[in-house]
Amino acid sequence: MAKQDTTENKTGSFTSHYTKIETLVKELETNKISVDELIPRLESALDSLQVCKSMLSKTQLRLSEIKQELEQLATDELPSAEDA
């Protein structure tokens, strides 16, 4: 649980975290990371993945809420001319 709490408090945009992950993957594919750098870089990428996952989950939840609000508005009856 403590790991999630620290992940929630990390700052940075989704794009910055995603870019960090992409960079690491490219460096791994081209063997540009030394053994000495590997563990700290993988831990950093793991943190970024957790932040991205949290951001995506929150975005998905908010999109669902917005969709429900829009559907509710679409089904609400408009006031008639007599009510005005």
Protein backbone atom coordinates (compact mmCIF):
# COMPACT_ATOMS: atom_id res chain seq x y z
CA MET A 1 0.00 0.00 0.00
CA ALA A 2 2.84 2.42 0.75
CA LYS A 3 4.17 1.99 -2.78
CA GLN A 4 0.86 3.16 -4.25
CA ASP A 5 0.79 6.19 -1.97
CA THR A 6 4.24 7.35 -3.10
CA THR A 7 3.30 6.70 -6.73
CA GLU A 8 0.19 8.84 -6.36
CA ASN A 9 2.31 11.77 -5.17
CA LYS A 10 4.83 11.74 -8.03
CA THR A 11 4.67 14.69 -10.34
CA GLY A 12 5.11 14.98 -14.04
CA SER A 13 2.95 14.59 -17.04
CA PHE A 14 1.84 11.33 -18.54
CA THR A 15 3.92 12.18 -21.60
CA SER A 16 7.11 12.70 -19.59
CA HIS A 17 6.71 9.36 -17.83
CA TYR A 18 5.82 7.58 -21.07
CA THR A 19 8.84 9.12 -22.81
CA LYS A 20 11.09 7.90 -19.99
CA ILE A 21 9.78 4.36 -20.52
CA GLU A 22 10.17 4.56 -24.31
CA THR A 23 13.75 5.78 -23.96
CA LEU A 24 14.63 2.91 -21.66
CA VAL A 25 13.10 0.36 -24.03
CA LYS A 26 15.10 1.76 -26.97
CA GLU A 27 18.29 1.71 -24.93
CA LEU A 28 17.62 -1.89 -23.88
CA GLU A 29 16.96 -2.91 -27.48
CA THR A 30 20.25 -1.39 -28.62
CA ASN A 31 22.28 -2.59 -25.63
CA LYS A 32 23.12 0.98 -24.56
CA ILE A 33 22.64 0.38 -20.83
CA SER A 34 25.43 -0.92 -18.67
CA VAL A 35 24.83 -3.50 -16.00
CA ASP A 36 25.56 -0.83 -13.39
CA GLU A 37 22.72 1.33 -14.73
CA LEU A 38 20.24 -1.46 -15.32
CA ILE A 39 18.59 -1.87 -11.92
CA PRO A 40 18.16 1.84 -11.11
CA ARG A 41 16.83 2.52 -14.60
CA LEU A 42 14.38 -0.39 -14.42
CA GLU A 43 13.18 0.79 -10.99
CA SER A 44 12.66 4.27 -12.40
CA ALA A 45 10.75 2.83 -15.35
CA LEU A 46 8.61 0.79 -12.97
CA ASP A 47 7.74 3.96 -11.04
CA SER A 48 6.83 5.67 -14.32
CA LEU A 49 4.67 2.72 -15.37
CA GLN A 50 2.79 2.88 -12.08
CA VAL A 51 2.23 6.62 -12.47
CA CYS A 52 1.01 6.16 -16.06
CA LYS A 53 -1.32 3.35 -15.02
CA SER A 54 -2.76 5.49 -12.22
CA MET A 55 -3.26 8.43 -14.57
CA LEU A 56 -4.96 6.22 -17.15
CA SER A 57 -7.26 4.71 -14.52
CA LYS A 58 -8.27 8.14 -13.25
CA THR A 59 -8.84 9.35 -16.81
CA GLN A 60 -10.95 6.31 -17.64
CA LEU A 61 -13.06 6.84 -14.52
CA ARG A 62 -13.59 10.53 -15.28
CA LEU A 63 -14.50 9.77 -18.91
CA SER A 64 -17.07 7.27 -17.66
CA GLU A 65 -18.52 9.91 -15.32
CA ILE A 66 -18.69 12.46 -18.13
CA LYS A 67 -20.39 9.93 -20.40
CA GLN A 68 -23.02 9.26 -17.73
CA GLU A 69 -23.60 12.99 -17.27
CA LEU A 70 -24.01 13.48 -21.01
CA GLU A 71 -26.41 10.54 -21.25
CA GLN A 72 -28.42 11.98 -18.35
CA LEU A 73 -28.59 15.36 -20.05
CA ALA A 74 -29.73 13.72 -23.28
CA THR A 75 -32.57 11.90 -21.52
CA ASP A 76 -33.72 14.85 -19.41
CA GLU A 77 -36.87 16.43 -20.71
CA LEU A 78 -36.55 19.93 -22.05
CA PRO A 79 -38.93 22.44 -20.52
CA SER A 80 -41.96 23.04 -22.67
CA ALA A 81 -43.00 26.48 -23.89
CA GLU A 82 -45.82 26.36 -21.32
CA ASP A 83 -43.28 26.07 -18.46
CA ALA A 84 -41.43 29.19 -19.53
